[in-house]
């Protein structure tokens, strides 16, 4: 797959994904009192955001034809 996640988008995904993932782990670890399903969902969302930032490829962007890399065709 071709990269479609630009640098600013990538940095936001890394930071937000890490924060959401840490919150999810805190919920699952019992540090935050919320339903464990929310913790699992937060960990999944965090992993997906960090994964798309690291690979610089987003499937949803591909389906919608979005490219934040700033390349000109």
PDB file of N, CA and C in Angstrom:
ATOM      1  N   UNK A   1       0.836  -1.192   0.000  1.00  0.00           N
ATOM      2  CA  UNK A   1       0.000   0.000   0.000  1.00  0.00           C
ATOM      3  C   UNK A   1       0.873   1.245   0.000  1.00  0.00           C
ATOM      4  N   UNK A   2       0.368   2.254  -0.640  1.00  0.00           N
ATOM      5  CA  UNK A   2       1.069   3.524  -0.703  1.00  0.00           C
ATOM      6  C   UNK A   2       0.806   4.335   0.565  1.00  0.00           C
ATOM      7  N   UNK A   3       1.803   5.073   1.012  1.00  0.00           N
ATOM      8  CA  UNK A   3       1.621   5.882   2.218  1.00  0.00           C
ATOM      9  C   UNK A   3       0.632   7.010   1.943  1.00  0.00           C
ATOM     10  N   UNK A   4      -0.210   7.303   2.936  1.00  0.00           N
ATOM     11  CA  UNK A   4      -1.195   8.370   2.786  1.00  0.00           C
ATOM     12  C   UNK A   4      -1.369   9.172   4.078  1.00  0.00           C
ATOM     13  N   UNK A   5      -0.449   9.010   5.022  1.00  0.00           N
ATOM     14  CA  UNK A   5      -0.504   9.734   6.291  1.00  0.00           C
ATOM     15  C   UNK A   5       0.715  10.652   6.360  1.00  0.00           C
ATOM     16  N   UNK A   6       0.470  11.957   6.360  1.00  0.00           N
ATOM     17  CA  UNK A   6       1.546  12.933   6.399  1.00  0.00           C
ATOM     18  C   UNK A   6       2.117  13.120   7.800  1.00  0.00           C
ATOM     19  N   UNK A   7       3.176  13.923   7.886  1.00  0.00           N
ATOM     20  CA  UNK A   7       3.894  14.104   9.143  1.00  0.00           C
ATOM     21  C   UNK A   7       3.034  14.703  10.259  1.00  0.00           C
ATOM     22  N   UNK A   8       2.300  15.806  10.036  1.00  0.00           N
ATOM     23  CA  UNK A   8       1.483  16.339  11.144  1.00  0.00           C
ATOM     24  C   UNK A   8       0.424  15.327  11.602  1.00  0.00           C
ATOM     25  N   UNK A   9      -0.214  14.683  10.640  1.00  0.00           N
ATOM     26  CA  UNK A   9      -1.217  13.664  10.936  1.00  0.00           C
ATOM     27  C   UNK A   9      -0.583  12.514  11.709  1.00  0.00           C
ATOM     28  N   UNK A  10       0.607  12.131  11.307  1.00  0.00           N
ATOM     29  CA  UNK A  10       1.328  11.024  11.957  1.00  0.00           C
ATOM     30  C   UNK A  10       1.637  11.348  13.417  1.00  0.00           C
ATOM     31  N   UNK A  11       2.106  12.557  13.668  1.00  0.00           N
ATOM     32  CA  UNK A  11       2.440  12.952  15.040  1.00  0.00           C
ATOM     33  C   UNK A  11       1.202  12.981  15.930  1.00  0.00           C
ATOM     34  N   UNK A  12       0.093  13.485  15.397  1.00  0.00           N
ATOM     35  CA  UNK A  12      -1.153  13.501  16.170  1.00  0.00           C
ATOM     36  C   UNK A  12      -1.594  12.080  16.478  1.00  0.00           C
ATOM     37  N   UNK A  13      -1.514  11.199  15.496  1.00  0.00           N
ATOM     38  CA  UNK A  13      -1.898   9.798  15.710  1.00  0.00           C
ATOM     39  C   UNK A  13      -1.021   9.137  16.775  1.00  0.00           C
ATOM     40  N   UNK A  14       0.274   9.408  16.740  1.00  0.00           N
ATOM     41  CA  UNK A  14       1.182   8.821  17.734  1.00  0.00           C
ATOM     42  C   UNK A  14       0.838   9.280  19.144  1.00  0.00           C
ATOM     43  N   UNK A  15       0.659  10.589  19.315  1.00  0.00           N
ATOM     44  CA  UNK A  15       0.392  11.129  20.653  1.00  0.00           C
ATOM     45  C   UNK A  15      -0.981  10.693  21.153  1.00  0.00           C
ATOM     46  N   UNK A  16      -2.009  10.887  20.333  1.00  0.00           N
ATOM     47  CA  UNK A  16      -3.367  10.537  20.753  1.00  0.00           C
ATOM     48  C   UNK A  16      -3.491   9.030  20.961  1.00  0.00           C
ATOM     49  N   UNK A  17      -2.901   8.242  20.067  1.00  0.00           N
ATOM     50  CA  UNK A  17      -2.951   6.788  20.202  1.00  0.00           C
ATOM     51  C   UNK A  17      -2.270   6.304  21.473  1.00  0.00           C
ATOM     52  N   UNK A  18      -1.122   6.892  21.783  1.00  0.00           N
ATOM     53  CA  UNK A  18      -0.416   6.504  23.009  1.00  0.00           C
ATOM     54  C   UNK A  18      -1.226   6.870  24.250  1.00  0.00           C
ATOM     55  N   UNK A  19      -1.791   8.064  24.266  1.00  0.00           N
ATOM     56  CA  UNK A  19      -2.588   8.494  25.423  1.00  0.00           C
ATOM     57  C   UNK A  19      -3.815   7.609  25.593  1.00  0.00           C
ATOM     58  N   UNK A  20      -4.539   7.351  24.511  1.00  0.00           N
ATOM     59  CA  UNK A  20      -5.734   6.497  24.600  1.00  0.00           C
ATOM     60  C   UNK A  20      -5.348   5.085  25.026  1.00  0.00           C
ATOM     61  N   UNK A  21      -4.244   4.569  24.487  1.00  0.00           N
ATOM     62  CA  UNK A  21      -3.799   3.230  24.863  1.00  0.00           C
ATOM     63  C   UNK A  21      -3.419   3.137  26.334  1.00  0.00           C
ATOM     64  N   UNK A  22      -2.737   4.156  26.837  1.00  0.00           N
ATOM     65  CA  UNK A  22      -2.358   4.164  28.254  1.00  0.00           C
ATOM     66  C   UNK A  22      -3.594   4.249  29.143  1.00  0.00           C
ATOM     67  N   UNK A  23      -4.550   5.064  28.744  1.00  0.00           N
ATOM     68  CA  UNK A  23      -5.807   5.150  29.516  1.00  0.00           C
ATOM     69  C   UNK A  23      -6.509   3.796  29.510  1.00  0.00           C
ATOM     70  N   UNK A  24      -6.541   3.146  28.361  1.00  0.00           N
ATOM     71  CA  UNK A  24      -7.154   1.822  28.274  1.00  0.00           C
ATOM     72  C   UNK A  24      -6.474   0.805  29.164  1.00  0.00           C
ATOM     73  N   UNK A  25      -5.145   0.842  29.187  1.00  0.00           N
ATOM     74  CA  UNK A  25      -4.408  -0.076  30.061  1.00  0.00           C
ATOM     75  C   UNK A  25      -4.657   0.236  31.530  1.00  0.00           C
ATOM     76  N   UNK A  26      -4.788   1.520  31.854  1.00  0.00           N
ATOM     77  CA  UNK A  26      -5.087   1.901  33.239  1.00  0.00           C
ATOM     78  C   UNK A  26      -6.467   1.392  33.649  1.00  0.00           C
ATOM     79  N   UNK A  27      -7.415   1.434  32.737  1.00  0.00           N
ATOM     80  CA  UNK A  27      -8.758   0.912  33.031  1.00  0.00           C
ATOM     81  C   UNK A  27      -8.677  -0.596  33.254  1.00  0.00           C
ATOM     82  N   UNK A  28      -7.985  -1.287  32.370  1.00  0.00           N
ATOM     83  CA  UNK A  28      -7.875  -2.742  32.498  1.00  0.00           C
ATOM     84  C   UNK A  28      -7.089  -3.145  33.738  1.00  0.00           C
ATOM     85  N   UNK A  29      -6.145  -2.305  34.144  1.00  0.00           N
ATOM     86  CA  UNK A  29      -5.358  -2.583  35.343  1.00  0.00           C
ATOM     87  C   UNK A  29      -6.058  -2.206  36.634  1.00  0.00           C
ATOM     88  N   UNK A  30      -7.239  -1.612  36.539  1.00  0.00           N
ATOM     89  CA  UNK A  30      -8.006  -1.255  37.719  1.00  0.00           C
ATOM     90  C   UNK A  30      -7.642   0.089  38.318  1.00  0.00           C
ATOM     91  N   UNK A  31      -6.799   0.865  37.649  1.00  0.00           N
ATOM     92  CA  UNK A  31      -6.422   2.177  38.159  1.00  0.00           C
ATOM     93  C   UNK A  31      -7.513   3.220  37.940  1.00  0.00           C
ATOM     94  N   UNK A  32      -8.329   2.990  36.922  1.00  0.00           N
ATOM     95  CA  UNK A  32      -9.462   3.872  36.626  1.00  0.00           C
ATOM     96  C   UNK A  32     -10.721   3.015  36.670  1.00  0.00           C
ATOM     97  N   UNK A  33     -11.714   3.482  37.405  1.00  0.00           N
ATOM     98  CA  UNK A  33     -12.955   2.716  37.586  1.00  0.00           C
ATOM     99  C   UNK A  33     -13.962   3.011  36.476  1.00  0.00           C
ATOM    100  N   UNK A  34     -13.836   2.294  35.373  1.00  0.00           N
ATOM    101  CA  UNK A  34     -14.786   2.365  34.257  1.00  0.00           C
ATOM    102  C   UNK A  34     -14.979   0.928  33.785  1.00  0.00           C
ATOM    103  N   UNK A  35     -16.032   0.689  33.027  1.00  0.00           N
ATOM    104  CA  UNK A  35     -16.289  -0.662  32.518  1.00  0.00           C
ATOM    105  C   UNK A  35     -15.091  -1.171  31.722  1.00  0.00           C
ATOM    106  N   UNK A  36     -14.753  -2.428  31.914  1.00  0.00           N
ATOM    107  CA  UNK A  36     -13.577  -2.988  31.254  1.00  0.00           C
ATOM    108  C   UNK A  36     -13.722  -3.013  29.738  1.00  0.00           C
ATOM    109  N   UNK A  37     -14.951  -3.038  29.227  1.00  0.00           N
ATOM    110  CA  UNK A  37     -15.158  -3.006  27.775  1.00  0.00           C
ATOM    111  C   UNK A  37     -14.635  -1.694  27.196  1.00  0.00           C
ATOM    112  N   UNK A  38     -14.774  -0.614  27.937  1.00  0.00           N
ATOM    113  CA  UNK A  38     -14.250   0.679  27.490  1.00  0.00           C
ATOM    114  C   UNK A  38     -12.727   0.626  27.463  1.00  0.00           C
ATOM    115  N   UNK A  39     -12.135  -0.031  28.439  1.00  0.00           N
ATOM    116  CA  UNK A  39     -10.682  -0.184  28.463  1.00  0.00           C
ATOM    117  C   UNK A  39     -10.170  -0.973  27.273  1.00  0.00           C
ATOM    118  N   UNK A  40     -10.855  -2.059  26.954  1.00  0.00           N
ATOM    119  CA  UNK A  40     -10.466  -2.876  25.799  1.00  0.00           C
ATOM    120  C   UNK A  40     -10.587  -2.059  24.519  1.00  0.00           C
ATOM    121  N   UNK A  41     -11.696  -1.343  24.360  1.00  0.00           N
ATOM    122  CA  UNK A  41     -11.900  -0.513  23.165  1.00  0.00           C
ATOM    123  C   UNK A  41     -10.821   0.565  23.065  1.00  0.00           C
ATOM    124  N   UNK A  42     -10.466   1.172  24.185  1.00  0.00           N
ATOM    125  CA  UNK A  42      -9.444   2.216  24.183  1.00  0.00           C
ATOM    126  C   UNK A  42      -8.086   1.650  23.770  1.00  0.00           C
ATOM    127  N   UNK A  43      -7.746   0.479  24.254  1.00  0.00           N
ATOM    128  CA  UNK A  43      -6.477  -0.145  23.873  1.00  0.00           C
ATOM    129  C   UNK A  43      -6.466  -0.444  22.380  1.00  0.00           C
ATOM    130  N   UNK A  44      -7.565  -0.963  21.859  1.00  0.00           N
ATOM    131  CA  UNK A  44      -7.644  -1.280  20.427  1.00  0.00           C
ATOM    132  C   UNK A  44      -7.503  -0.015  19.587  1.00  0.00           C
ATOM    133  N   UNK A  45      -8.230   1.032  19.952  1.00  0.00           N
ATOM    134  CA  UNK A  45      -8.145   2.292  19.210  1.00  0.00           C
ATOM    135  C   UNK A  45      -6.725   2.857  19.281  1.00  0.00           C
ATOM    136  N   UNK A  46      -6.119   2.814  20.454  1.00  0.00           N
ATOM    137  CA  UNK A  46      -4.757   3.295  20.609  1.00  0.00           C
ATOM    138  C   UNK A  46      -3.767   2.538  19.745  1.00  0.00           C
ATOM    139  N   UNK A  47      -3.886   1.219  19.708  1.00  0.00           N
ATOM    140  CA  UNK A  47      -2.985   0.392  18.900  1.00  0.00           C
ATOM    141  C   UNK A  47      -3.172   0.696  17.413  1.00  0.00           C
ATOM    142  N   UNK A  48      -4.418   0.854  16.979  1.00  0.00           N
ATOM    143  CA  UNK A  48      -4.684   1.160  15.569  1.00  0.00           C
ATOM    144  C   UNK A  48      -4.089   2.526  15.199  1.00  0.00           C
ATOM    145  N   UNK A  49      -4.281   3.525  16.050  1.00  0.00           N
ATOM    146  CA  UNK A  49      -3.732   4.851  15.759  1.00  0.00           C
ATOM    147  C   UNK A  49      -2.206   4.831  15.694  1.00  0.00           C
ATOM    148  N   UNK A  50      -1.570   4.189  16.654  1.00  0.00           N
ATOM    149  CA  UNK A  50      -0.104   4.109  16.645  1.00  0.00           C
ATOM    150  C   UNK A  50       0.368   3.282  15.443  1.00  0.00           C
ATOM    151  N   UNK A  51      -0.330   2.205  15.141  1.00  0.00           N
ATOM    152  CA  UNK A  51       0.040   1.368  13.991  1.00  0.00           C
ATOM    153  C   UNK A  51      -0.047   2.107  12.670  1.00  0.00           C
ATOM    154  N   UNK A  52      -1.112   2.875  12.487  1.00  0.00           N
ATOM    155  CA  UNK A  52      -1.239   3.640  11.243  1.00  0.00           C
ATOM    156  C   UNK A  52      -0.201   4.756  11.176  1.00  0.00           C
ATOM    157  N   UNK A  53       0.188   5.294  12.317  1.00  0.00           N
ATOM    158  CA  UNK A  53       1.236   6.313  12.327  1.00  0.00           C
ATOM    159  C   UNK A  53       2.582   5.703  11.947  1.00  0.00           C
ATOM    160  N   UNK A  54       2.877   4.528  12.469  1.00  0.00           N
ATOM    161  CA  UNK A  54       4.159   3.888  12.191  1.00  0.00           C
ATOM    162  C   UNK A  54       4.265   3.406  10.743  1.00  0.00           C
ATOM    163  N   UNK A  55       3.178   2.899  10.196  1.00  0.00           N
ATOM    164  CA  UNK A  55       3.200   2.413   8.814  1.00  0.00           C
ATOM    165  C   UNK A  55       2.929   3.521   7.804  1.00  0.00           C
ATOM    166  N   UNK A  56       2.422   4.666   8.295  1.00  0.00           N
ATOM    167  CA  UNK A  56       2.068   5.815   7.456  1.00  0.00           C
ATOM    168  C   UNK A  56       1.007   5.462   6.424  1.00  0.00           C
ATOM    169  N   UNK A  57       0.191   4.452   6.736  1.00  0.00           N
ATOM    170  CA  UNK A  57      -0.875   4.021   5.841  1.00  0.00           C
ATOM    171  C   UNK A  57      -2.154   3.838   6.642  1.00  0.00           C
ATOM    172  N   UNK A  58      -3.238   4.449   6.162  1.00  0.00           N
ATOM    173  CA  UNK A  58      -4.534   4.338   6.815  1.00  0.00           C
ATOM    174  C   UNK A  58      -5.540   3.761   5.824  1.00  0.00           C
ATOM    175  N   UNK A  59      -6.135   2.635   6.169  1.00  0.00           N
ATOM    176  CA  UNK A  59      -7.096   1.980   5.292  1.00  0.00           C
ATOM    177  C   UNK A  59      -8.311   2.867   5.049  1.00  0.00           C
ATOM    178  N   UNK A  60      -8.794   3.540   6.085  1.00  0.00           N
ATOM    179  CA  UNK A  60      -9.958   4.419   5.926  1.00  0.00           C
ATOM    180  C   UNK A  60      -9.628   5.554   4.958  1.00  0.00           C
ATOM    181  N   UNK A  61      -8.436   6.131   5.090  1.00  0.00           N
ATOM    182  CA  UNK A  61      -8.017   7.179   4.152  1.00  0.00           C
ATOM    183  C   UNK A  61      -7.993   6.625   2.720  1.00  0.00           C
ATOM    184  N   UNK A  62      -7.495   5.403   2.546  1.00  0.00           N
ATOM    185  CA  UNK A  62      -7.445   4.789   1.221  1.00  0.00           C
ATOM    186  C   UNK A  62      -8.840   4.640   0.637  1.00  0.00           C
ATOM    187  N   UNK A  63      -9.781   4.181   1.457  1.00  0.00           N
ATOM    188  CA  UNK A  63     -11.153   3.998   0.981  1.00  0.00           C
ATOM    189  C   UNK A  63     -11.816   5.317   0.613  1.00  0.00           C
ATOM    190  N   UNK A  64     -11.469   6.386   1.347  1.00  0.00           N
ATOM    191  CA  UNK A  64     -12.076   7.696   1.093  1.00  0.00           C
ATOM    192  C   UNK A  64     -11.276   8.539   0.106  1.00  0.00           C
ATOM    193  N   UNK A  65     -10.107   8.077  -0.308  1.00  0.00           N
ATOM    194  CA  UNK A  65      -9.273   8.830  -1.240  1.00  0.00           C
ATOM    195  C   UNK A  65      -8.563  10.013  -0.608  1.00  0.00           C
ATOM    196  N   UNK A  66      -8.318   9.945   0.697  1.00  0.00           N
ATOM    197  CA  UNK A  66      -7.655  11.022   1.426  1.00  0.00           C
ATOM    198  C   UNK A  66      -6.155  10.753   1.461  1.00  0.00           C
ATOM    199  N   UNK A  67      -5.364  11.817   1.273  1.00  0.00           N
ATOM    200  CA  UNK A  67      -3.911  11.706   1.347  1.00  0.00           C
ATOM    201  C   UNK A  67      -3.386  12.969   2.037  1.00  0.00           C
ATOM    202  N   UNK A  68      -2.811  12.821   3.225  1.00  0.00           N
ATOM    203  CA  UNK A  68      -2.296  13.978   3.952  1.00  0.00           C
ATOM    204  C   UNK A  68      -0.776  14.103   3.826  1.00  0.00           C
ATOM    205  N   UNK A  69      -0.174  13.374   2.890  1.00  0.00           N
ATOM    206  CA  UNK A  69       1.275  13.434   2.707  1.00  0.00           C
ATOM    207  C   UNK A  69       1.741  14.727   2.057  1.00  0.00           C
ATOM    208  N   UNK A  70       0.857  15.399   1.359  1.00  0.00           N
ATOM    209  CA  UNK A  70       1.228  16.655   0.730  1.00  0.00           C
ATOM    210  C   UNK A  70       1.901  16.495  -0.617  1.00  0.00           C
ATOM    211  N   UNK A  71       1.885  15.289  -1.173  1.00  0.00           N
ATOM    212  CA  UNK A  71       2.464  15.073  -2.508  1.00  0.00           C
ATOM    213  C   UNK A  71       1.544  15.659  -3.557  1.00  0.00           C
ATOM    214  N   UNK A  72       2.118  16.124  -4.607  1.00  0.00           N
ATOM    215  CA  UNK A  72       1.340  16.648  -5.739  1.00  0.00           C
ATOM    216  C   UNK A  72       1.436  15.644  -6.867  1.00  0.00           C
ATOM    217  N   UNK A  73       0.304  15.338  -7.515  1.00  0.00           N
ATOM    218  CA  UNK A  73       0.290  14.383  -8.617  1.00  0.00           C
ATOM    219  C   UNK A  73       0.643  15.051  -9.922  1.00  0.00           C
TER     220      UNK A  73
END
